[in-house]
Amino acid sequence: MITSIVLIKTSVDQIPEIAEKIAALEGVSEVYSITGAHDLIAMVRVAKHDDLADVIPGRISKIPGVASTETHIAFRTYSQHDLEAAFAIGLDA
């Protein structure tokens, strides 16, 4: 699974509507409304690198009101859930 973090600038008067449209796209797992230089962050999870092109420039960027995107591809995923599972290996309840 390939995970990418997509920073999105939008028309500020349409942030909720644009976020809902992005969240409904296949390959998008979450969308966050944020503060700062960008308006939204979308988490995109796909099977192949080629699929990123279908989701990000192919669908997200074409939603009316999306002004620009900046994509970051994750090398590895670290989460509290993963750490707890790793430390629990071999322990009996």
PDB file of N, CA and C in Angstrom:
ATOM      1  N   MET A   1       0.851  -1.170   0.000  1.00  0.00           N
ATOM      2  CA  MET A   1       0.000   0.000   0.000  1.00  0.00           C
ATOM      3  C   MET A   1       0.898   1.235   0.000  1.00  0.00           C
ATOM      4  N   ILE A   2       0.618   2.162  -0.880  1.00  0.00           N
ATOM      5  CA  ILE A   2       1.353   3.416  -0.976  1.00  0.00           C
ATOM      6  C   ILE A   2       0.482   4.509  -0.356  1.00  0.00           C
ATOM      7  N   THR A   3       1.075   5.240   0.579  1.00  0.00           N
ATOM      8  CA  THR A   3       0.357   6.313   1.252  1.00  0.00           C
ATOM      9  C   THR A   3       0.954   7.645   0.831  1.00  0.00           C
ATOM     10  N   SER A   4       0.104   8.579   0.489  1.00  0.00           N
ATOM     11  CA  SER A   4       0.579   9.928   0.203  1.00  0.00           C
ATOM     12  C   SER A   4      -0.262  10.929   0.976  1.00  0.00           C
ATOM     13  N   ILE A   5       0.398  12.021   1.321  1.00  0.00           N
ATOM     14  CA  ILE A   5      -0.235  13.119   2.027  1.00  0.00           C
ATOM     15  C   ILE A   5      -0.350  14.249   1.022  1.00  0.00           C
ATOM     16  N   VAL A   6      -1.560  14.705   0.767  1.00  0.00           N
ATOM     17  CA  VAL A   6      -1.781  15.729  -0.252  1.00  0.00           C
ATOM     18  C   VAL A   6      -2.238  17.009   0.432  1.00  0.00           C
ATOM     19  N   LEU A   7      -1.417  18.048   0.320  1.00  0.00           N
ATOM     20  CA  LEU A   7      -1.759  19.366   0.842  1.00  0.00           C
ATOM     21  C   LEU A   7      -2.526  20.095  -0.251  1.00  0.00           C
ATOM     22  N   ILE A   8      -3.676  20.660   0.099  1.00  0.00           N
ATOM     23  CA  ILE A   8      -4.579  21.212  -0.903  1.00  0.00           C
ATOM     24  C   ILE A   8      -4.953  22.650  -0.554  1.00  0.00           C
ATOM     25  N   LYS A   9      -4.844  23.526  -1.555  1.00  0.00           N
ATOM     26  CA  LYS A   9      -5.343  24.895  -1.432  1.00  0.00           C
ATOM     27  C   LYS A   9      -6.651  24.966  -2.201  1.00  0.00           C
ATOM     28  N   THR A  10      -7.660  25.602  -1.582  1.00  0.00           N
ATOM     29  CA  THR A  10      -8.987  25.658  -2.188  1.00  0.00           C
ATOM     30  C   THR A  10      -9.553  27.073  -2.116  1.00  0.00           C
ATOM     31  N   SER A  11     -10.714  27.228  -2.693  1.00  0.00           N
ATOM     32  CA  SER A  11     -11.492  28.445  -2.483  1.00  0.00           C
ATOM     33  C   SER A  11     -12.006  28.383  -1.049  1.00  0.00           C
ATOM     34  N   VAL A  12     -11.631  29.351  -0.234  1.00  0.00           N
ATOM     35  CA  VAL A  12     -11.947  29.271   1.195  1.00  0.00           C
ATOM     36  C   VAL A  12     -13.439  29.272   1.496  1.00  0.00           C
ATOM     37  N   ASP A  13     -14.233  29.814   0.601  1.00  0.00           N
ATOM     38  CA  ASP A  13     -15.670  29.834   0.853  1.00  0.00           C
ATOM     39  C   ASP A  13     -16.340  28.499   0.524  1.00  0.00           C
ATOM     40  N   GLN A  14     -15.551  27.522   0.022  1.00  0.00           N
ATOM     41  CA  GLN A  14     -16.107  26.222  -0.354  1.00  0.00           C
ATOM     42  C   GLN A  14     -15.396  25.051   0.320  1.00  0.00           C
ATOM     43  N   ILE A  15     -14.634  25.313   1.369  1.00  0.00           N
ATOM     44  CA  ILE A  15     -13.821  24.255   1.983  1.00  0.00           C
ATOM     45  C   ILE A  15     -14.654  23.026   2.372  1.00  0.00           C
ATOM     46  N   PRO A  16     -15.760  23.156   3.091  1.00  0.00           N
ATOM     47  CA  PRO A  16     -16.502  21.948   3.480  1.00  0.00           C
ATOM     48  C   PRO A  16     -17.020  21.144   2.283  1.00  0.00           C
ATOM     49  N   GLU A  17     -17.520  21.835   1.281  1.00  0.00           N
ATOM     50  CA  GLU A  17     -18.064  21.142   0.110  1.00  0.00           C
ATOM     51  C   GLU A  17     -16.960  20.433  -0.675  1.00  0.00           C
ATOM     52  N   ILE A  18     -15.829  21.097  -0.827  1.00  0.00           N
ATOM     53  CA  ILE A  18     -14.705  20.489  -1.540  1.00  0.00           C
ATOM     54  C   ILE A  18     -14.166  19.302  -0.754  1.00  0.00           C
ATOM     55  N   ALA A  19     -14.055  19.444   0.565  1.00  0.00           N
ATOM     56  CA  ALA A  19     -13.566  18.345   1.409  1.00  0.00           C
ATOM     57  C   ALA A  19     -14.454  17.119   1.271  1.00  0.00           C
ATOM     58  N   GLU A  20     -15.759  17.315   1.245  1.00  0.00           N
ATOM     59  CA  GLU A  20     -16.682  16.185   1.097  1.00  0.00           C
ATOM     60  C   GLU A  20     -16.526  15.499  -0.253  1.00  0.00           C
ATOM     61  N   LYS A  21     -16.335  16.282  -1.312  1.00  0.00           N
ATOM     62  CA  LYS A  21     -16.135  15.700  -2.642  1.00  0.00           C
ATOM     63  C   LYS A  21     -14.834  14.895  -2.698  1.00  0.00           C
ATOM     64  N   ILE A  22     -13.786  15.428  -2.093  1.00  0.00           N
ATOM     65  CA  ILE A  22     -12.505  14.715  -2.082  1.00  0.00           C
ATOM     66  C   ILE A  22     -12.621  13.436  -1.263  1.00  0.00           C
ATOM     67  N   ALA A  23     -13.266  13.510  -0.107  1.00  0.00           N
ATOM     68  CA  ALA A  23     -13.408  12.341   0.770  1.00  0.00           C
ATOM     69  C   ALA A  23     -14.188  11.217   0.099  1.00  0.00           C
ATOM     70  N   ALA A  24     -15.043  11.552  -0.836  1.00  0.00           N
ATOM     71  CA  ALA A  24     -15.858  10.544  -1.521  1.00  0.00           C
ATOM     72  C   ALA A  24     -15.100   9.810  -2.629  1.00  0.00           C
ATOM     73  N   LEU A  25     -13.898  10.281  -2.969  1.00  0.00           N
ATOM     74  CA  LEU A  25     -13.137   9.665  -4.051  1.00  0.00           C
ATOM     75  C   LEU A  25     -12.514   8.341  -3.618  1.00  0.00           C
ATOM     76  N   GLU A  26     -12.517   7.380  -4.525  1.00  0.00           N
ATOM     77  CA  GLU A  26     -11.847   6.103  -4.267  1.00  0.00           C
ATOM     78  C   GLU A  26     -10.352   6.369  -4.126  1.00  0.00           C
ATOM     79  N   GLY A  27      -9.748   5.786  -3.102  1.00  0.00           N
ATOM     80  CA  GLY A  27      -8.328   5.981  -2.826  1.00  0.00           C
ATOM     81  C   GLY A  27      -8.061   7.011  -1.748  1.00  0.00           C
ATOM     82  N   VAL A  28      -9.045   7.840  -1.450  1.00  0.00           N
ATOM     83  CA  VAL A  28      -8.888   8.852  -0.391  1.00  0.00           C
ATOM     84  C   VAL A  28      -9.457   8.267   0.893  1.00  0.00           C
ATOM     85  N   SER A  29      -8.612   8.172   1.927  1.00  0.00           N
ATOM     86  CA  SER A  29      -9.078   7.572   3.178  1.00  0.00           C
ATOM     87  C   SER A  29      -9.565   8.603   4.186  1.00  0.00           C
ATOM     88  N   GLU A  30      -8.958   9.783   4.221  1.00  0.00           N
ATOM     89  CA  GLU A  30      -9.372  10.855   5.129  1.00  0.00           C
ATOM     90  C   GLU A  30      -9.099  12.192   4.484  1.00  0.00           C
ATOM     91  N   VAL A  31      -9.850  13.183   4.919  1.00  0.00           N
ATOM     92  CA  VAL A  31      -9.599  14.575   4.536  1.00  0.00           C
ATOM     93  C   VAL A  31      -9.716  15.407   5.805  1.00  0.00           C
ATOM     94  N   TYR A  32      -8.733  16.271   6.031  1.00  0.00           N
ATOM     95  CA  TYR A  32      -8.714  17.127   7.213  1.00  0.00           C
ATOM     96  C   TYR A  32      -8.757  18.586   6.792  1.00  0.00           C
ATOM     97  N   SER A  33      -9.577  19.373   7.438  1.00  0.00           N
ATOM     98  CA  SER A  33      -9.567  20.822   7.284  1.00  0.00           C
ATOM     99  C   SER A  33      -8.523  21.340   8.277  1.00  0.00           C
ATOM    100  N   ILE A  34      -7.597  22.155   7.798  1.00  0.00           N
ATOM    101  CA  ILE A  34      -6.465  22.554   8.633  1.00  0.00           C
ATOM    102  C   ILE A  34      -6.241  24.061   8.620  1.00  0.00           C
ATOM    103  N   THR A  35      -5.370  24.527   9.510  1.00  0.00           N
ATOM    104  CA  THR A  35      -4.940  25.919   9.517  1.00  0.00           C
ATOM    105  C   THR A  35      -3.596  26.005   8.806  1.00  0.00           C
ATOM    106  N   GLY A  36      -3.209  27.211   8.460  1.00  0.00           N
ATOM    107  CA  GLY A  36      -1.906  27.405   7.847  1.00  0.00           C
ATOM    108  C   GLY A  36      -1.999  27.750   6.371  1.00  0.00           C
ATOM    109  N   ALA A  37      -0.933  27.475   5.651  1.00  0.00           N
ATOM    110  CA  ALA A  37      -0.828  27.862   4.245  1.00  0.00           C
ATOM    111  C   ALA A  37      -1.759  27.063   3.328  1.00  0.00           C
ATOM    112  N   HIS A  38      -2.165  25.886   3.780  1.00  0.00           N
ATOM    113  CA  HIS A  38      -3.078  25.047   2.999  1.00  0.00           C
ATOM    114  C   HIS A  38      -4.428  24.971   3.709  1.00  0.00           C
ATOM    115  N   ASP A  39      -5.435  24.545   2.964  1.00  0.00           N
ATOM    116  CA  ASP A  39      -6.788  24.475   3.526  1.00  0.00           C
ATOM    117  C   ASP A  39      -7.196  23.071   3.938  1.00  0.00           C
ATOM    118  N   LEU A  40      -6.711  22.074   3.193  1.00  0.00           N
ATOM    119  CA  LEU A  40      -7.072  20.675   3.439  1.00  0.00           C
ATOM    120  C   LEU A  40      -5.846  19.790   3.329  1.00  0.00           C
ATOM    121  N   ILE A  41      -5.906  18.672   4.025  1.00  0.00           N
ATOM    122  CA  ILE A  41      -4.948  17.579   3.832  1.00  0.00           C
ATOM    123  C   ILE A  41      -5.766  16.339   3.516  1.00  0.00           C
ATOM    124  N   ALA A  42      -5.387  15.652   2.446  1.00  0.00           N
ATOM    125  CA  ALA A  42      -6.039  14.391   2.096  1.00  0.00           C
ATOM    126  C   ALA A  42      -5.023  13.264   2.223  1.00  0.00           C
ATOM    127  N   MET A  43      -5.442  12.176   2.826  1.00  0.00           N
ATOM    128  CA  MET A  43      -4.627  10.971   2.901  1.00  0.00           C
ATOM    129  C   MET A  43      -5.076  10.073   1.761  1.00  0.00           C
ATOM    130  N   VAL A  44      -4.149   9.746   0.886  1.00  0.00           N
ATOM    131  CA  VAL A  44      -4.451   8.906  -0.266  1.00  0.00           C
ATOM    132  C   VAL A  44      -3.692   7.604  -0.114  1.00  0.00           C
ATOM    133  N   ARG A  45      -4.418   6.487  -0.199  1.00  0.00           N
ATOM    134  CA  ARG A  45      -3.806   5.161  -0.066  1.00  0.00           C
ATOM    135  C   ARG A  45      -4.196   4.339  -1.286  1.00  0.00           C
ATOM    136  N   VAL A  46      -3.177   3.920  -2.041  1.00  0.00           N
ATOM    137  CA  VAL A  46      -3.403   3.164  -3.272  1.00  0.00           C
ATOM    138  C   VAL A  46      -2.438   1.988  -3.346  1.00  0.00           C
ATOM    139  N   ALA A  47      -2.719   1.068  -4.252  1.00  0.00           N
ATOM    140  CA  ALA A  47      -1.899  -0.143  -4.392  1.00  0.00           C
ATOM    141  C   ALA A  47      -0.614   0.113  -5.168  1.00  0.00           C
ATOM    142  N   LYS A  48      -0.666   0.970  -6.185  1.00  0.00           N
ATOM    143  CA  LYS A  48       0.494   1.192  -7.055  1.00  0.00           C
ATOM    144  C   LYS A  48       0.763   2.682  -7.225  1.00  0.00           C
ATOM    145  N   HIS A  49       2.031   3.010  -7.502  1.00  0.00           N
ATOM    146  CA  HIS A  49       2.388   4.412  -7.744  1.00  0.00           C
ATOM    147  C   HIS A  49       1.569   5.008  -8.881  1.00  0.00           C
ATOM    148  N   ASP A  50       1.326   4.235  -9.924  1.00  0.00           N
ATOM    149  CA  ASP A  50       0.547   4.737 -11.055  1.00  0.00           C
ATOM    150  C   ASP A  50      -0.852   5.179 -10.631  1.00  0.00           C
ATOM    151  N   ASP A  51      -1.379   4.544  -9.599  1.00  0.00           N
ATOM    152  CA  ASP A  51      -2.718   4.899  -9.116  1.00  0.00           C
ATOM    153  C   ASP A  51      -2.756   6.304  -8.530  1.00  0.00           C
ATOM    154  N   LEU A  52      -1.608   6.788  -8.034  1.00  0.00           N
ATOM    155  CA  LEU A  52      -1.561   8.149  -7.495  1.00  0.00           C
ATOM    156  C   LEU A  52      -1.928   9.168  -8.566  1.00  0.00           C
ATOM    157  N   ALA A  53      -1.471   8.934  -9.789  1.00  0.00           N
ATOM    158  CA  ALA A  53      -1.781   9.850 -10.888  1.00  0.00           C
ATOM    159  C   ALA A  53      -3.277   9.876 -11.182  1.00  0.00           C
ATOM    160  N   ASP A  54      -3.914   8.728 -11.041  1.00  0.00           N
ATOM    161  CA  ASP A  54      -5.367   8.682 -11.264  1.00  0.00           C
ATOM    162  C   ASP A  54      -6.115   9.473 -10.195  1.00  0.00           C
ATOM    163  N   VAL A  55      -5.667   9.356  -8.945  1.00  0.00           N
ATOM    164  CA  VAL A  55      -6.394   9.982  -7.840  1.00  0.00           C
ATOM    165  C   VAL A  55      -6.073  11.466  -7.705  1.00  0.00           C
ATOM    166  N   ILE A  56      -4.790  11.815  -7.693  1.00  0.00           N
ATOM    167  CA  ILE A  56      -4.430  13.196  -7.347  1.00  0.00           C
ATOM    168  C   ILE A  56      -4.625  14.150  -8.529  1.00  0.00           C
ATOM    169  N   PRO A  57      -3.804  14.085  -9.576  1.00  0.00           N
ATOM    170  CA  PRO A  57      -4.085  15.022 -10.677  1.00  0.00           C
ATOM    171  C   PRO A  57      -5.317  14.632 -11.488  1.00  0.00           C
ATOM    172  N   GLY A  58      -5.640  13.338 -11.503  1.00  0.00           N
ATOM    173  CA  GLY A  58      -6.762  12.869 -12.298  1.00  0.00           C
ATOM    174  C   GLY A  58      -8.125  13.179 -11.728  1.00  0.00           C
ATOM    175  N   ARG A  59      -8.231  13.242 -10.378  1.00  0.00           N
ATOM    176  CA  ARG A  59      -9.547  13.485  -9.757  1.00  0.00           C
ATOM    177  C   ARG A  59      -9.541  14.654  -8.788  1.00  0.00           C
ATOM    178  N   ILE A  60      -8.626  14.629  -7.809  1.00  0.00           N
ATOM    179  CA  ILE A  60      -8.623  15.705  -6.798  1.00  0.00           C
ATOM    180  C   ILE A  60      -8.433  17.070  -7.454  1.00  0.00           C
ATOM    181  N   SER A  61      -7.424  17.197  -8.292  1.00  0.00           N
ATOM    182  CA  SER A  61      -7.110  18.496  -8.900  1.00  0.00           C
ATOM    183  C   SER A  61      -8.197  19.001  -9.838  1.00  0.00           C
ATOM    184  N   LYS A  62      -9.068  18.114 -10.298  1.00  0.00           N
ATOM    185  CA  LYS A  62     -10.123  18.504 -11.227  1.00  0.00           C
ATOM    186  C   LYS A  62     -11.424  18.922 -10.541  1.00  0.00           C
ATOM    187  N   ILE A  63     -11.464  18.807  -9.218  1.00  0.00           N
ATOM    188  CA  ILE A  63     -12.660  19.245  -8.493  1.00  0.00           C
ATOM    189  C   ILE A  63     -12.717  20.773  -8.524  1.00  0.00           C
ATOM    190  N   PRO A  64     -13.828  21.337  -8.966  1.00  0.00           N
ATOM    191  CA  PRO A  64     -13.951  22.797  -8.995  1.00  0.00           C
ATOM    192  C   PRO A  64     -13.691  23.397  -7.610  1.00  0.00           C
ATOM    193  N   GLY A  65     -12.845  24.422  -7.571  1.00  0.00           N
ATOM    194  CA  GLY A  65     -12.495  25.069  -6.311  1.00  0.00           C
ATOM    195  C   GLY A  65     -11.142  24.643  -5.777  1.00  0.00           C
ATOM    196  N   VAL A  66     -10.581  23.538  -6.276  1.00  0.00           N
ATOM    197  CA  VAL A  66      -9.232  23.132  -5.879  1.00  0.00           C
ATOM    198  C   VAL A  66      -8.253  23.987  -6.677  1.00  0.00           C
ATOM    199  N   ALA A  67      -7.459  24.793  -5.974  1.00  0.00           N
ATOM    200  CA  ALA A  67      -6.522  25.710  -6.627  1.00  0.00           C
ATOM    201  C   ALA A  67      -5.176  25.049  -6.897  1.00  0.00           C
ATOM    202  N   SER A  68      -4.682  24.241  -5.937  1.00  0.00           N
ATOM    203  CA  SER A  68      -3.392  23.577  -6.122  1.00  0.00           C
ATOM    204  C   SER A  68      -3.248  22.426  -5.132  1.00  0.00           C
ATOM    205  N   THR A  69      -2.346  21.519  -5.466  1.00  0.00           N
ATOM    206  CA  THR A  69      -2.027  20.404  -4.573  1.00  0.00           C
ATOM    207  C   THR A  69      -0.520  20.271  -4.460  1.00  0.00           C
ATOM    208  N   GLU A  70      -0.094  19.744  -3.332  1.00  0.00           N
ATOM    209  CA  GLU A  70       1.318  19.420  -3.095  1.00  0.00           C
ATOM    210  C   GLU A  70       1.332  18.038  -2.471  1.00  0.00           C
ATOM    211  N   THR A  71       2.012  17.091  -3.116  1.00  0.00           N
ATOM    212  CA  THR A  71       1.948  15.697  -2.698  1.00  0.00           C
ATOM    213  C   THR A  71       3.246  15.242  -2.058  1.00  0.00           C
ATOM    214  N   HIS A  72       3.116  14.554  -0.929  1.00  0.00           N
ATOM    215  CA  HIS A  72       4.249  13.948  -0.232  1.00  0.00           C
ATOM    216  C   HIS A  72       3.973  12.458  -0.123  1.00  0.00           C
ATOM    217  N   ILE A  73       4.927  11.629  -0.556  1.00  0.00           N
ATOM    218  CA  ILE A  73       4.742  10.181  -0.500  1.00  0.00           C
ATOM    219  C   ILE A  73       5.472   9.649   0.733  1.00  0.00           C
ATOM    220  N   ALA A  74       4.789   8.829   1.502  1.00  0.00           N
ATOM    221  CA  ALA A  74       5.357   8.273   2.732  1.00  0.00           C
ATOM    222  C   ALA A  74       6.268   7.093   2.401  1.00  0.00           C
ATOM    223  N   PHE A  75       7.444   7.059   3.029  1.00  0.00           N
ATOM    224  CA  PHE A  75       8.342   5.916   2.902  1.00  0.00           C
ATOM    225  C   PHE A  75       7.914   4.789   3.837  1.00  0.00           C
ATOM    226  N   ARG A  76       7.596   5.157   5.069  1.00  0.00           N
ATOM    227  CA  ARG A  76       7.168   4.206   6.091  1.00  0.00           C
ATOM    228  C   ARG A  76       6.076   4.835   6.920  1.00  0.00           C
ATOM    229  N   THR A  77       5.311   3.973   7.568  1.00  0.00           N
ATOM    230  CA  THR A  77       4.257   4.448   8.455  1.00  0.00           C
ATOM    231  C   THR A  77       4.592   4.026   9.882  1.00  0.00           C
ATOM    232  N   TYR A  78       4.539   4.980  10.786  1.00  0.00           N
ATOM    233  CA  TYR A  78       4.734   4.717  12.203  1.00  0.00           C
ATOM    234  C   TYR A  78       3.480   5.198  12.914  1.00  0.00           C
ATOM    235  N   SER A  79       2.929   4.364  13.766  1.00  0.00           N
ATOM    236  CA  SER A  79       1.749   4.791  14.511  1.00  0.00           C
ATOM    237  C   SER A  79       1.769   4.160  15.890  1.00  0.00           C
ATOM    238  N   GLN A  80       1.034   4.739  16.797  1.00  0.00           N
ATOM    239  CA  GLN A  80       0.934   4.195  18.147  1.00  0.00           C
ATOM    240  C   GLN A  80       0.381   2.774  18.111  1.00  0.00           C
ATOM    241  N   HIS A  81      -0.576   2.528  17.237  1.00  0.00           N
ATOM    242  CA  HIS A  81      -1.161   1.189  17.099  1.00  0.00           C
ATOM    243  C   HIS A  81      -0.089   0.178  16.696  1.00  0.00           C
ATOM    244  N   ASP A  82       0.770   0.533  15.744  1.00  0.00           N
ATOM    245  CA  ASP A  82       1.839  -0.363  15.302  1.00  0.00           C
ATOM    246  C   ASP A  82       2.839  -0.628  16.431  1.00  0.00           C
ATOM    247  N   LEU A  83       3.175   0.411  17.198  1.00  0.00           N
ATOM    248  CA  LEU A  83       4.129   0.252  18.294  1.00  0.00           C
ATOM    249  C   LEU A  83       3.574  -0.660  19.385  1.00  0.00           C
ATOM    250  N   GLU A  84       2.303  -0.488  19.722  1.00  0.00           N
ATOM    251  CA  GLU A  84       1.688  -1.335  20.743  1.00  0.00           C
ATOM    252  C   GLU A  84       1.670  -2.789  20.300  1.00  0.00           C
ATOM    253  N   ALA A  85       1.384  -3.041  19.044  1.00  0.00           N
ATOM    254  CA  ALA A  85       1.361  -4.410  18.528  1.00  0.00           C
ATOM    255  C   ALA A  85       2.759  -5.020  18.564  1.00  0.00           C
ATOM    256  N   ALA A  86       3.782  -4.238  18.229  1.00  0.00           N
ATOM    257  CA  ALA A  86       5.139  -4.752  18.232  1.00  0.00           C
ATOM    258  C   ALA A  86       5.609  -5.115  19.635  1.00  0.00           C
ATOM    259  N   PHE A  87       5.291  -4.273  20.615  1.00  0.00           N
ATOM    260  CA  PHE A  87       5.699  -4.552  21.990  1.00  0.00           C
ATOM    261  C   PHE A  87       4.920  -5.705  22.611  1.00  0.00           C
ATOM    262  N   ALA A  88       3.756  -6.013  22.086  1.00  0.00           N
ATOM    263  CA  ALA A  88       2.933  -7.069  22.635  1.00  0.00           C
ATOM    264  C   ALA A  88       3.290  -8.459  22.098  1.00  0.00           C
ATOM    265  N   ILE A  89       4.174  -8.515  21.100  1.00  0.00           N
ATOM    266  CA  ILE A  89       4.527  -9.809  20.507  1.00  0.00           C
ATOM    267  C   ILE A  89       5.168 -10.693  21.566  1.00  0.00           C
ATOM    268  N   GLY A  90       4.646 -11.874  21.703  1.00  0.00           N
ATOM    269  CA  GLY A  90       5.207 -12.840  22.650  1.00  0.00           C
ATOM    270  C   GLY A  90       4.712 -12.711  24.070  1.00  0.00           C
ATOM    271  N   LEU A  91       3.920 -11.711  24.353  1.00  0.00           N
ATOM    272  CA  LEU A  91       3.387 -11.553  25.703  1.00  0.00           C
ATOM    273  C   LEU A  91       2.057 -12.272  25.815  1.00  0.00           C
ATOM    274  N   ASP A  92       1.895 -13.002  26.886  1.00  0.00           N
ATOM    275  CA  ASP A  92       0.620 -13.666  27.146  1.00  0.00           C
ATOM    276  C   ASP A  92      -0.217 -12.791  28.055  1.00  0.00           C
ATOM    277  N   ALA A  93      -1.495 -12.761  27.811  1.00  0.00           N
ATOM    278  CA  ALA A  93      -2.396 -11.928  28.627  1.00  0.00           C
ATOM    279  C   ALA A  93      -2.603 -12.495  30.004  1.00  0.00           C
TER     280      ALA A  93
END
